[in-house]
Amino acid sequence: MPVFSGQFRYQVDSKQRVQIPAPFRNQLIDRSEDQDEEGIFFHVTFGSEACLYIYPRSIFTKEVAKLQEECGSFFTPPEKTRLFRKFMSNAQPLRSDNQGRIIVPKEHLEYAKIESDVLIVGLGNRFEFWNPDLFRQSVGAADAVQ
């Protein structure tokens, strides 16, 4: 299973494409459940803070199964159901192009307040897209890449 870590700063291009860092892509090469001959499959969704969560398809599928088990009961607390609903209703499948870029939907970029610069942060089984200023505010200026 891939483990994503580190911070990478990129630009969103005029077509709303974001480069996936090579260390992240390299972990997904030859994983047939996450790619085909045209690219690597991801899912993007709104994060719990003003960021985007990006999962490889195989990990997204496992996360959804876990959440479905936790939140699929009539007795599930409403707060958990609301979080699951937010997670799933904003999830969009994506495929990278042959240069390792994904097109991020406009409403997702707006949610995360990402305009031109994007900070990509590895977080174990997923990575996150952040507005660099909001990331600094979230973790503290001393912990963020400048």
Protein backbone atom coordinates (compact mmCIF):
# COMPACT_ATOMS: atom_id res chain seq x y z
CA MET A 1 0.00 0.00 0.00
CA PRO A 2 1.37 3.44 -0.84
CA VAL A 3 2.34 5.82 1.93
CA PHE A 4 2.26 9.49 0.95
CA SER A 5 4.39 11.98 2.88
CA GLY A 6 6.08 15.31 2.34
CA GLN A 7 5.06 18.67 0.91
CA PHE A 8 5.23 19.84 -2.70
CA ARG A 9 4.28 23.19 -4.16
CA TYR A 10 2.85 23.46 -7.68
CA GLN A 11 0.78 25.78 -9.83
CA VAL A 12 -2.76 25.19 -11.08
CA ASP A 13 -2.60 25.76 -14.83
CA SER A 14 -5.19 27.56 -16.97
CA LYS A 15 -7.05 24.27 -17.59
CA GLN A 16 -7.38 23.57 -13.82
CA ARG A 17 -4.71 20.85 -13.98
CA VAL A 18 -2.47 20.04 -11.04
CA GLN A 19 0.70 17.95 -11.26
CA ILE A 20 0.77 14.90 -8.99
CA PRO A 21 4.24 14.76 -7.39
CA ALA A 22 6.51 12.10 -8.91
CA PRO A 23 7.16 10.40 -5.53
CA PHE A 24 3.39 9.86 -5.20
CA ARG A 25 2.92 8.69 -8.81
CA ASN A 26 5.88 6.31 -8.56
CA GLN A 27 4.21 4.49 -5.67
CA LEU A 28 1.15 3.84 -7.85
CA ILE A 29 2.91 2.62 -10.99
CA ASP A 30 2.17 -1.02 -11.75
CA ARG A 31 -0.78 -1.14 -9.36
CA SER A 32 -3.39 -2.41 -11.81
CA GLU A 33 -6.26 -1.48 -9.51
CA ASP A 34 -5.21 2.18 -9.71
CA GLN A 35 -4.26 2.62 -13.35
CA ASP A 36 -4.76 1.66 -16.95
CA GLU A 37 -2.75 2.46 -20.07
CA GLU A 38 -4.08 6.03 -20.09
CA GLY A 39 -3.38 7.12 -16.51
CA ILE A 40 -3.82 6.69 -12.78
CA PHE A 41 -7.28 6.79 -11.21
CA PHE A 42 -8.00 9.02 -8.22
CA HIS A 43 -10.97 10.37 -6.32
CA VAL A 44 -11.08 13.94 -5.02
CA THR A 45 -13.45 15.14 -2.33
CA PHE A 46 -13.86 18.00 0.12
CA GLY A 47 -11.70 17.72 3.22
CA SER A 48 -12.86 18.29 6.77
CA GLU A 49 -10.99 21.61 6.65
CA ALA A 50 -10.67 23.95 3.65
CA CYS A 51 -8.64 21.46 1.62
CA LEU A 52 -9.17 18.62 -0.82
CA TYR A 53 -8.55 14.94 -0.13
CA ILE A 54 -7.13 12.93 -3.03
CA TYR A 55 -7.17 9.14 -2.84
CA PRO A 56 -5.96 6.52 -5.30
CA ARG A 57 -9.02 4.59 -6.47
CA SER A 58 -8.21 1.37 -4.56
CA ILE A 59 -7.79 3.23 -1.26
CA PHE A 60 -10.91 5.32 -1.85
CA THR A 61 -12.91 2.12 -2.35
CA LYS A 62 -11.62 0.72 0.97
CA GLU A 63 -12.34 3.98 2.81
CA VAL A 64 -15.90 4.07 1.45
CA ALA A 65 -16.48 0.47 2.59
CA LYS A 66 -15.30 1.36 6.12
CA LEU A 67 -17.44 4.49 6.22
CA GLN A 68 -20.45 2.63 4.86
CA GLU A 69 -20.12 0.10 7.65
CA GLU A 70 -19.80 2.85 10.28
CA CYS A 71 -22.51 5.11 8.87
CA GLY A 72 -24.92 2.74 7.16
CA SER A 73 -27.14 1.99 10.14
CA PHE A 74 -30.40 3.60 11.15
CA PHE A 75 -28.76 4.15 14.52
CA THR A 76 -25.77 6.08 13.18
CA PRO A 77 -25.45 9.45 14.94
CA PRO A 78 -26.54 12.30 12.64
CA GLU A 79 -23.10 13.98 12.84
CA LYS A 80 -21.43 10.90 11.33
CA THR A 81 -24.09 10.66 8.63
CA ARG A 82 -23.58 14.34 7.73
CA LEU A 83 -19.80 13.84 7.39
CA PHE A 84 -20.29 10.73 5.25
CA ARG A 85 -22.80 12.58 3.09
CA LYS A 86 -20.38 15.50 2.61
CA PHE A 87 -17.55 13.09 1.80
CA MET A 88 -19.51 11.10 -0.78
CA SER A 89 -21.64 13.82 -2.37
CA ASN A 90 -18.52 15.81 -3.23
CA ALA A 91 -16.38 12.87 -4.38
CA GLN A 92 -15.42 12.93 -8.06
CA PRO A 93 -13.41 10.35 -9.98
CA LEU A 94 -10.35 11.66 -11.81
CA ARG A 95 -7.72 10.17 -14.11
CA SER A 96 -4.25 11.57 -14.59
CA ASP A 97 -3.01 12.33 -18.06
CA ASN A 98 0.24 10.90 -19.44
CA GLN A 99 2.18 13.77 -17.80
CA GLY A 100 0.81 12.99 -14.32
CA ARG A 101 -1.67 15.88 -14.11
CA ILE A 102 -5.28 15.77 -12.97
CA ILE A 103 -8.03 18.22 -13.82
CA VAL A 104 -9.55 19.42 -10.56
CA PRO A 105 -13.22 20.48 -10.76
CA LYS A 106 -13.74 24.21 -10.35
CA GLU A 107 -16.09 23.83 -7.36
CA HIS A 108 -13.41 21.80 -5.56
CA LEU A 109 -10.76 24.47 -6.15
CA GLU A 110 -13.21 27.10 -4.91
CA TYR A 111 -14.01 25.09 -1.76
CA ALA A 112 -10.30 24.89 -0.90
CA LYS A 113 -9.72 28.53 -1.93
CA ILE A 114 -7.00 27.39 -4.35
CA GLU A 115 -6.38 29.93 -7.09
CA SER A 116 -2.90 29.50 -8.56
CA ASP A 117 -0.54 28.00 -5.98
CA VAL A 118 -1.34 24.61 -4.51
CA LEU A 119 0.50 22.90 -1.67
CA ILE A 120 0.27 19.11 -1.91
CA VAL A 121 0.70 17.40 1.45
CA GLY A 122 1.11 13.65 1.91
CA LEU A 123 -1.00 12.21 4.69
CA GLY A 124 -0.44 8.47 4.75
CA ASN A 125 -3.08 6.80 2.58
CA ARG A 126 -4.15 10.05 0.90
CA PHE A 127 -2.75 13.41 -0.01
CA GLU A 128 -4.29 16.83 0.32
CA PHE A 129 -4.41 19.95 -1.84
CA TRP A 130 -4.18 23.17 0.14
CA ASN A 131 -4.07 26.88 -0.43
CA PRO A 132 -0.54 27.46 0.97
CA ASP A 133 -1.67 30.36 3.19
CA LEU A 134 -4.52 28.33 4.70
CA PHE A 135 -2.16 25.42 5.34
CA ARG A 136 0.24 27.72 7.22
CA GLN A 137 -2.66 28.97 9.31
CA SER A 138 -3.87 25.43 9.98
CA VAL A 139 -0.56 23.90 11.12
CA GLY A 140 1.36 26.97 12.18
CA ALA A 141 3.79 28.97 10.08
CA ALA A 142 6.89 27.18 11.40
CA ASP A 143 5.65 23.78 10.12
CA ALA A 144 4.77 24.81 6.56
CA VAL A 145 6.94 24.84 3.46
CA GLN A 146 7.62 28.43 2.46
